[in-house]
Amino acid sequence: MNALLVLCALMGCWRCALSNRYCPDLMIDSCHCNSERSKGFNRQSLRVKVVCDDADLVETMQPSSLPNSTVSLILSNNKISAVRNHSFSGLRALEKLDLGSNLISRIASAAFHGLTALKRLDLSNNRIGCFSSDMFLDLGRLSKLNLSGNIFSTLPEDLFTHLPSLRVLHFSTDDLFCDCQLEWLLMWVRSRSVRVGNETVCVYPARLHGLEFSCLQEHQLTCAGPLELPVLQLIPTQRQLVFRGDRLPLQCTASYLHPSVELTWVHDHHPVHTLEERGVHVEESIIHDCCLVTRPIVSGLFVQQRVSTQRLQRFISRRLRSQTDRRAVGEKIQQWISRASYEELLKLPDMLEKSRLNLLADKIREKINRFQMFAIRCTNSLMMSS
């Protein structure tokens, strides 16, 4: 009995030594590594598993820091934002790669280059909106792929051209749009006997909401009917208080479901274009992560030939020195106020005092104070009601 215990202890020490031998120091305290032999004592059957879950990584680990015999690499629950070209070069034995629950928004075309033995890839719960078939080059043995929890609404045709061994696919998202653009995918998974996860359900359009993708019929995936956009947002969302001369930027954002989607600003049923003389500038559309399109517009509310503070002060000084009627001075001040920005208006009382118009300066300052108090009360009321 004692001999058996000693033998077990020796086997445990041997396994520990073997694990340490093939699991070098990873230089990251939150990561750990273990190794084991699957069959016999052949070195070729050595299997190394590296786990760096919730290790605060901001990028993938250098392939040179990992054993070449690594078969499983867990990098989930970190802060990785991009997967660059050749991020896993040299890990030819890798069979499982978990990049779930990170901040990934960009994947380079050769990110998984060289992973010819990879069977399982988890990219779930990231911020990926753009996909291309080149991303999956060299993954001819991949059998399970999880894309759920990302920000895409649809998937481009022929995305899985380089995945002949794929058998399980998950692609559930909060904005999954089941229309004619996914008809190819339904036909593809059925022709290849690929199982789609039951949690992958349609979110849009409303008539298909909640239906499992795998249970749909081809005739249901149409682009007929009114357009439904998962995202259609205007910023700012509420009415704005602006003064003449201020710049008012507006931004419209919508789901980018297809290259034909365009955003056009309209006023009184007419398209709005850039008008420099009116202070209106319509910018070009910007596509974000292949899933959102934004088009900003800046309305400057500019008034041409606006009288500057210095010019107004010189005008008042000349009129007062020549002792002409004060009506011209009053009309000029009123004209200036109607065109001045709020920042310029705040400077007016001090300027009037320099021109010895103290009474008028006091009255304008009093009006400004009243307006400021009114604005504060309105703001407090909005905050209390929100």
Protein backbone atom coordinates (compact mmCIF):
# COMPACT_ATOMS: atom_id res chain seq x y z
CA MET A 1 0.00 0.00 0.00
CA ASN A 2 2.81 2.36 0.95
CA ALA A 3 4.62 1.50 -2.27
CA LEU A 4 1.47 2.39 -4.23
CA LEU A 5 1.23 5.79 -2.51
CA VAL A 6 4.88 6.48 -3.24
CA LEU A 7 4.33 5.53 -6.89
CA CYS A 8 1.33 7.87 -7.15
CA ALA A 9 3.34 10.68 -5.58
CA LEU A 10 6.18 10.10 -8.02
CA MET A 11 3.74 10.13 -10.94
CA GLY A 12 2.27 13.43 -9.70
CA CYS A 13 5.74 14.97 -9.39
CA TRP A 14 6.64 13.69 -12.85
CA ARG A 15 3.51 15.25 -14.37
CA CYS A 16 4.19 18.53 -12.57
CA ALA A 17 7.77 18.56 -13.82
CA LEU A 18 6.56 17.71 -17.32
CA SER A 19 4.02 20.55 -17.18
CA ASN A 20 6.62 23.06 -16.03
CA ARG A 21 9.05 21.86 -18.69
CA TYR A 22 6.67 22.56 -21.55
CA CYS A 23 4.91 25.55 -19.95
CA PRO A 24 7.45 28.36 -19.68
CA ASP A 25 6.97 31.46 -17.57
CA LEU A 26 4.30 33.46 -19.42
CA MET A 27 5.36 36.75 -17.79
CA ILE A 28 1.71 37.41 -16.88
CA ASP A 29 0.57 36.55 -13.38
CA SER A 30 -3.08 36.07 -14.39
CA CYS A 31 -2.21 33.44 -17.00
CA HIS A 32 -1.53 29.82 -16.33
CA CYS A 33 -0.39 26.91 -18.43
CA ASN A 34 -0.64 23.15 -18.13
CA SER A 35 0.37 20.27 -20.35
CA GLU A 36 -0.46 16.62 -20.65
CA ARG A 37 0.09 13.73 -22.99
CA SER A 38 -2.98 12.45 -24.77
CA LYS A 39 -1.69 8.99 -25.67
CA GLY A 40 1.48 7.11 -24.87
CA PHE A 41 4.75 8.92 -24.26
CA ASN A 42 5.34 10.30 -27.70
CA ARG A 43 6.33 13.95 -27.61
CA GLN A 44 4.22 14.59 -30.65
CA SER A 45 1.09 13.91 -28.58
CA LEU A 46 1.92 16.54 -25.94
CA ARG A 47 -1.03 18.90 -25.44
CA VAL A 48 -0.50 22.36 -23.90
CA LYS A 49 -3.34 24.57 -22.72
CA VAL A 50 -2.79 28.26 -22.00
CA VAL A 51 -5.47 30.21 -20.14
CA CYS A 52 -5.37 34.01 -19.87
CA ASP A 53 -8.98 34.68 -18.94
CA ASP A 54 -9.69 38.10 -17.40
CA ALA A 55 -5.99 39.02 -17.42
CA ASP A 56 -6.42 42.68 -18.50
CA LEU A 57 -4.70 42.02 -21.82
CA VAL A 58 -5.03 44.85 -24.34
CA GLU A 59 -3.59 42.86 -27.25
CA THR A 60 -3.01 39.24 -28.15
CA MET A 61 0.09 37.57 -26.74
CA GLN A 62 3.23 37.32 -28.83
CA PRO A 63 3.26 33.86 -30.49
CA SER A 64 6.94 33.49 -29.57
CA SER A 65 5.98 33.59 -25.87
CA LEU A 66 3.77 30.50 -26.23
CA PRO A 67 4.82 26.87 -26.61
CA ASN A 68 4.62 25.61 -30.19
CA SER A 69 2.65 22.62 -28.89
CA THR A 70 -0.22 24.78 -27.56
CA VAL A 71 -3.55 23.21 -28.58
CA SER A 72 -5.87 25.48 -26.60
CA LEU A 73 -5.53 29.24 -26.08
CA ILE A 74 -8.10 31.07 -23.94
CA LEU A 75 -7.93 34.87 -24.16
CA SER A 76 -11.52 35.66 -23.19
CA ASN A 77 -12.75 38.50 -20.94
CA ASN A 78 -9.87 40.85 -21.69
CA LYS A 79 -9.59 44.27 -23.37
CA ILE A 80 -8.21 43.25 -26.74
CA SER A 81 -9.45 45.70 -29.39
CA ALA A 82 -7.86 44.35 -32.58
CA VAL A 83 -6.45 41.13 -34.01
CA ARG A 84 -3.55 41.96 -36.31
CA ASN A 85 -1.93 40.02 -39.13
CA HIS A 86 -0.07 36.87 -38.08
CA SER A 87 -1.15 37.25 -34.44
CA PHE A 88 -0.81 33.50 -33.89
CA SER A 89 1.98 32.66 -36.31
CA GLY A 90 3.80 29.44 -35.44
CA LEU A 91 0.99 27.89 -33.38
CA ARG A 92 0.35 25.15 -35.92
CA ALA A 93 -0.97 22.71 -33.30
CA LEU A 94 -3.64 25.12 -32.03
CA GLU A 95 -7.10 23.52 -32.09
CA LYS A 96 -9.13 25.91 -29.94
CA LEU A 97 -8.95 29.71 -29.80
CA ASP A 98 -11.26 31.70 -27.51
CA LEU A 99 -11.34 35.48 -28.02
CA GLY A 100 -14.83 35.96 -26.61
CA SER A 101 -15.91 38.93 -24.48
CA ASN A 102 -13.21 41.37 -25.53
CA LEU A 103 -13.41 44.76 -27.27
CA ILE A 104 -12.42 43.53 -30.72
CA SER A 105 -13.66 45.72 -33.57
CA ARG A 106 -11.02 44.99 -36.22
CA ILE A 107 -9.68 41.70 -37.54
CA ALA A 108 -6.93 41.80 -40.16
CA SER A 109 -7.26 39.63 -43.25
CA ALA A 110 -4.30 37.42 -42.24
CA ALA A 111 -5.01 37.43 -38.50
CA PHE A 112 -5.41 33.63 -38.31
CA HIS A 113 -2.76 32.81 -40.88
CA GLY A 114 -1.09 29.47 -40.24
CA LEU A 115 -3.74 28.01 -37.91
CA THR A 116 -4.30 25.00 -40.14
CA ALA A 117 -5.27 22.71 -37.22
CA LEU A 118 -7.82 25.08 -35.64
CA LYS A 119 -11.21 23.44 -35.02
CA ARG A 120 -13.01 25.88 -32.70
CA LEU A 121 -13.00 29.68 -32.88
CA ASP A 122 -14.95 31.90 -30.47
CA LEU A 123 -15.33 35.58 -31.40
CA SER A 124 -18.54 36.17 -29.46
CA ASN A 125 -19.45 39.29 -27.48
CA ASN A 126 -17.11 41.72 -29.17
CA ARG A 127 -17.69 44.81 -31.34
CA ILE A 128 -17.15 43.30 -34.76
CA GLY A 129 -19.22 44.79 -37.56
CA CYS A 130 -17.02 44.07 -40.61
CA PHE A 131 -16.37 40.58 -41.93
CA SER A 132 -14.67 39.30 -45.05
CA SER A 133 -13.96 35.80 -46.31
CA ASP A 134 -10.20 36.52 -46.21
CA MET A 135 -10.37 36.53 -42.41
CA PHE A 136 -10.85 32.77 -42.43
CA LEU A 137 -8.03 31.80 -44.77
CA ASP A 138 -6.10 28.72 -43.60
CA LEU A 139 -9.00 27.58 -41.39
CA GLY A 140 -9.92 24.58 -43.54
CA ARG A 141 -10.42 22.35 -40.46
CA LEU A 142 -12.58 24.77 -38.49
CA SER A 143 -15.76 22.97 -37.41
CA LYS A 144 -17.30 25.38 -34.86
CA LEU A 145 -17.55 29.18 -35.14
CA ASN A 146 -19.24 31.57 -32.72
CA LEU A 147 -19.93 35.13 -33.92
CA SER A 148 -22.81 35.92 -31.56
CA GLY A 149 -23.04 39.11 -29.56
CA ASN A 150 -21.32 41.39 -32.06
CA ILE A 151 -22.71 44.54 -33.71
CA PHE A 152 -23.42 43.38 -37.28
CA SER A 153 -26.95 43.28 -38.71
CA THR A 154 -26.18 41.06 -41.69
CA LEU A 155 -23.36 38.94 -43.12
CA PRO A 156 -21.77 39.33 -46.57
CA GLU A 157 -22.30 36.63 -49.18
CA ASP A 158 -19.64 33.91 -49.50
CA LEU A 159 -18.24 34.79 -46.06
CA PHE A 160 -17.57 31.14 -45.25
CA THR A 161 -16.04 30.13 -48.58
CA HIS A 162 -12.79 29.04 -46.90
CA LEU A 163 -14.51 26.96 -44.19
CA PRO A 164 -15.37 23.62 -45.83
CA SER A 165 -15.37 21.74 -42.48
CA LEU A 166 -17.75 24.09 -40.63
CA ARG A 167 -20.54 22.18 -38.88
CA VAL A 168 -21.76 24.50 -36.08
CA LEU A 169 -22.41 28.24 -36.46
CA HIS A 170 -23.68 30.85 -34.00
CA PHE A 171 -24.40 34.42 -35.16
CA SER A 172 -27.06 35.86 -32.85
CA THR A 173 -27.00 39.66 -32.47
CA ASP A 174 -29.27 42.35 -31.06
CA ASP A 175 -29.92 43.74 -34.56
CA LEU A 176 -29.96 40.67 -36.80
CA PHE A 177 -31.88 41.60 -39.95
CA CYS A 178 -33.42 38.62 -41.74
CA ASP A 179 -34.10 39.76 -45.29
CA CYS A 180 -33.04 38.89 -48.83
CA GLN A 181 -29.39 39.57 -47.99
CA LEU A 182 -29.30 36.47 -45.78
CA GLU A 183 -31.02 34.18 -48.25
CA TRP A 184 -27.62 32.93 -49.41
CA LEU A 185 -26.72 31.93 -45.85
CA LEU A 186 -29.89 29.93 -45.33
CA MET A 187 -29.26 28.01 -48.56
CA TRP A 188 -25.60 27.52 -47.66
CA VAL A 189 -26.14 26.08 -44.16
CA ARG A 190 -28.72 23.65 -45.49
CA SER A 191 -26.60 22.49 -48.41
CA ARG A 192 -23.63 21.92 -46.07
CA SER A 193 -25.67 20.48 -43.15
CA VAL A 194 -24.38 23.21 -40.84
CA ARG A 195 -26.22 23.46 -37.54
CA VAL A 196 -27.19 27.01 -36.57
CA GLY A 197 -27.53 27.66 -32.85
CA ASN A 198 -31.10 27.84 -31.57
CA GLU A 199 -30.39 31.21 -29.97
CA THR A 200 -29.78 32.72 -33.42
CA VAL A 201 -33.13 34.41 -34.02
CA CYS A 202 -34.33 37.23 -36.24
CA VAL A 203 -34.77 40.64 -34.64
CA TYR A 204 -35.82 42.53 -37.78
CA PRO A 205 -38.11 42.88 -39.66
CA ALA A 206 -40.99 42.88 -37.20
CA ARG A 207 -42.88 40.10 -39.04
CA LEU A 208 -39.99 37.68 -38.38
CA HIS A 209 -39.07 38.89 -34.91
CA GLY A 210 -38.17 36.02 -32.57
CA LEU A 211 -38.12 33.28 -35.23
CA GLU A 212 -35.16 30.94 -35.29
CA PHE A 213 -33.06 31.48 -38.39
CA SER A 214 -32.70 27.76 -39.01
CA CYS A 215 -36.51 27.36 -39.14
CA LEU A 216 -37.09 30.01 -41.83
CA GLN A 217 -38.15 29.31 -45.38
CA GLU A 218 -36.41 30.94 -48.32
CA HIS A 219 -39.53 32.85 -49.41
CA GLN A 220 -39.63 34.61 -46.01
CA LEU A 221 -36.27 36.27 -46.62
CA THR A 222 -37.39 39.13 -48.86
CA CYS A 223 -36.59 42.81 -49.12
CA ALA A 224 -40.17 43.81 -49.91
CA GLY A 225 -42.21 46.07 -47.67
CA PRO A 226 -41.33 49.27 -45.82
CA LEU A 227 -37.77 49.77 -44.68
CA GLU A 228 -37.14 49.06 -41.00
CA LEU A 229 -33.93 50.38 -39.50
CA PRO A 230 -32.57 48.95 -36.25
CA VAL A 231 -30.87 52.29 -35.61
CA LEU A 232 -32.11 55.74 -36.69
CA GLN A 233 -30.88 58.49 -34.42
CA LEU A 234 -30.60 62.26 -34.54
CA ILE A 235 -28.11 64.07 -32.30
CA PRO A 236 -28.96 66.31 -30.50
CA THR A 237 -32.31 64.68 -29.81
CA GLN A 238 -33.99 67.74 -28.26
CA ARG A 239 -34.55 71.31 -29.30
CA GLN A 240 -31.52 73.51 -28.85
CA LEU A 241 -31.25 77.12 -27.73
CA VAL A 242 -28.75 78.89 -29.98
CA PHE A 243 -27.79 82.49 -30.69
CA ARG A 244 -27.19 84.10 -34.01
CA GLY A 245 -23.62 83.46 -35.04
CA ASP A 246 -23.36 80.17 -33.12
CA ARG A 247 -22.54 76.88 -34.86
CA LEU A 248 -25.11 74.12 -34.50
CA PRO A 249 -23.79 70.67 -35.48
CA LEU A 250 -26.38 67.96 -36.17
CA GLN A 251 -25.69 64.29 -36.80
CA CYS A 252 -27.93 61.60 -38.23
CA THR A 253 -26.98 57.94 -37.74
CA ALA A 254 -28.69 54.90 -39.24
CA SER A 255 -28.07 51.19 -39.71
CA TYR A 256 -25.92 50.42 -42.73
CA LEU A 257 -27.76 47.42 -44.11
CA HIS A 258 -26.57 47.65 -47.70
CA PRO A 259 -24.25 49.81 -49.84
CA SER A 260 -27.36 51.39 -51.36
CA VAL A 261 -28.31 52.98 -48.01
CA GLU A 262 -27.79 56.76 -48.16
CA LEU A 263 -28.57 59.59 -45.76
CA THR A 264 -29.96 62.88 -47.08
CA TRP A 265 -30.82 65.97 -45.08
CA VAL A 266 -34.22 67.45 -45.98
CA HIS A 267 -35.81 70.79 -45.10
CA ASP A 268 -39.37 71.65 -46.17
CA HIS A 269 -39.38 68.54 -48.38
CA HIS A 270 -36.28 69.70 -50.26
CA PRO A 271 -32.77 68.18 -50.02
CA VAL A 272 -30.26 70.30 -48.13
CA HIS A 273 -26.87 70.92 -49.72
CA THR A 274 -23.80 72.87 -48.63
CA LEU A 275 -24.41 76.64 -48.84
CA GLU A 276 -21.32 78.48 -47.69
CA GLU A 277 -23.00 81.87 -47.93
CA ARG A 278 -25.70 80.68 -45.53
CA GLY A 279 -23.24 79.01 -43.18
CA VAL A 280 -24.58 75.52 -43.95
CA HIS A 281 -22.11 72.70 -44.53
CA VAL A 282 -23.27 69.15 -45.28
CA GLU A 283 -20.47 66.63 -44.78
CA GLU A 284 -19.97 63.33 -46.57
CA SER A 285 -21.39 60.15 -45.08
CA ILE A 286 -19.12 58.14 -42.78
CA ILE A 287 -19.47 54.36 -42.42
CA HIS A 288 -18.61 52.91 -39.00
CA ASP A 289 -17.63 49.25 -38.65
CA CYS A 290 -19.75 48.27 -41.66
CA CYS A 291 -22.93 48.55 -39.59
CA LEU A 292 -23.66 52.26 -39.07
CA VAL A 293 -23.68 55.22 -41.44
CA THR A 294 -23.45 58.80 -40.16
CA ARG A 295 -23.89 62.10 -41.97
CA PRO A 296 -23.21 65.34 -40.08
CA ILE A 297 -24.42 68.81 -40.98
CA VAL A 298 -23.22 72.10 -39.49
CA SER A 299 -25.56 75.05 -39.55
CA GLY A 300 -23.45 78.09 -38.78
CA LEU A 301 -26.32 80.59 -38.68
CA PHE A 302 -23.70 83.07 -39.81
CA VAL A 303 -24.72 86.61 -40.73
CA GLN A 304 -22.61 88.23 -43.38
CA GLN A 305 -20.98 91.58 -42.67
CA ARG A 306 -21.52 91.25 -38.93
CA VAL A 307 -20.35 94.35 -37.08
CA SER A 308 -17.48 93.56 -34.71
CA THR A 309 -17.33 94.86 -31.13
CA GLN A 310 -14.40 97.11 -31.98
CA ARG A 311 -16.16 98.64 -35.00
CA LEU A 312 -19.30 99.27 -32.94
CA GLN A 313 -17.28 101.03 -30.25
CA ARG A 314 -15.55 103.26 -32.85
CA PHE A 315 -18.93 104.12 -34.37
CA ILE A 316 -20.40 105.12 -31.00
CA SER A 317 -17.32 107.17 -30.11
CA ARG A 318 -17.47 109.12 -33.38
CA ARG A 319 -21.17 109.84 -33.01
CA LEU A 320 -20.80 110.95 -29.41
CA ARG A 321 -17.88 113.22 -30.22
CA SER A 322 -19.73 114.90 -33.04
CA GLN A 323 -22.81 115.29 -30.80
CA THR A 324 -25.18 114.07 -33.54
CA ASP A 325 -28.54 112.63 -32.55
CA ARG A 326 -28.41 109.56 -30.36
CA ARG A 327 -31.06 107.77 -32.38
CA ALA A 328 -28.45 106.58 -34.88
CA VAL A 329 -26.37 105.22 -32.00
CA GLY A 330 -29.37 103.36 -30.56
CA GLU A 331 -30.31 101.88 -33.93
CA LYS A 332 -26.74 100.73 -34.49
CA ILE A 333 -26.62 99.01 -31.09
CA GLN A 334 -29.94 97.27 -31.74
CA GLN A 335 -28.70 96.10 -35.11
CA TRP A 336 -25.51 94.78 -33.54
CA ILE A 337 -27.38 92.95 -30.76
CA SER A 338 -29.60 91.19 -33.31
CA ARG A 339 -26.49 89.81 -35.03
CA ALA A 340 -24.18 89.22 -32.06
CA SER A 341 -23.35 85.85 -30.57
CA TYR A 342 -23.94 85.21 -26.89
CA GLU A 343 -20.22 85.57 -26.10
CA GLU A 344 -20.11 88.96 -27.83
CA LEU A 345 -23.29 90.07 -26.08
CA LEU A 346 -21.67 89.50 -22.69
CA LYS A 347 -18.94 92.01 -23.62
CA LEU A 348 -21.39 94.75 -24.61
CA PRO A 349 -21.98 96.36 -21.17
CA ASP A 350 -18.25 96.88 -20.54
CA MET A 351 -17.84 98.36 -23.99
CA LEU A 352 -20.73 100.77 -23.41
CA GLU A 353 -19.26 101.91 -20.11
CA LYS A 354 -16.03 102.80 -21.90
CA SER A 355 -18.15 104.99 -24.17
CA ARG A 356 -19.75 106.60 -21.07
CA LEU A 357 -23.14 105.03 -21.71
CA ASN A 358 -23.34 103.72 -18.16
CA LEU A 359 -27.14 103.76 -17.85
CA LEU A 360 -27.59 101.76 -21.03
CA ALA A 361 -24.84 99.36 -19.93
CA ASP A 362 -26.59 98.74 -16.61
CA LYS A 363 -29.91 98.02 -18.31
CA ILE A 364 -28.36 95.54 -20.75
CA ARG A 365 -26.41 93.84 -17.95
CA GLU A 366 -29.64 93.48 -15.98
CA LYS A 367 -31.35 91.87 -18.99
CA ILE A 368 -28.46 89.43 -19.42
CA ASN A 369 -28.61 88.44 -15.74
CA ARG A 370 -32.34 87.84 -15.99
CA PHE A 371 -31.83 85.65 -19.02
CA GLN A 372 -29.11 83.65 -17.27
CA MET A 373 -31.38 83.03 -14.28
CA PHE A 374 -34.16 81.97 -16.63
CA ALA A 375 -31.81 79.54 -18.40
CA ILE A 376 -30.70 78.06 -15.07
CA ARG A 377 -34.32 77.51 -13.97
CA CYS A 378 -35.14 75.82 -17.29
CA THR A 379 -32.10 73.56 -16.98
CA ASN A 380 -32.99 72.59 -13.39
CA SER A 381 -36.55 71.85 -14.45
CA LEU A 382 -35.33 69.56 -17.22
CA MET A 383 -32.99 67.75 -14.84
CA MET A 384 -35.75 67.21 -12.29
CA SER A 385 -38.13 65.83 -14.92
CA SER A 386 -35.58 63.42 -16.47
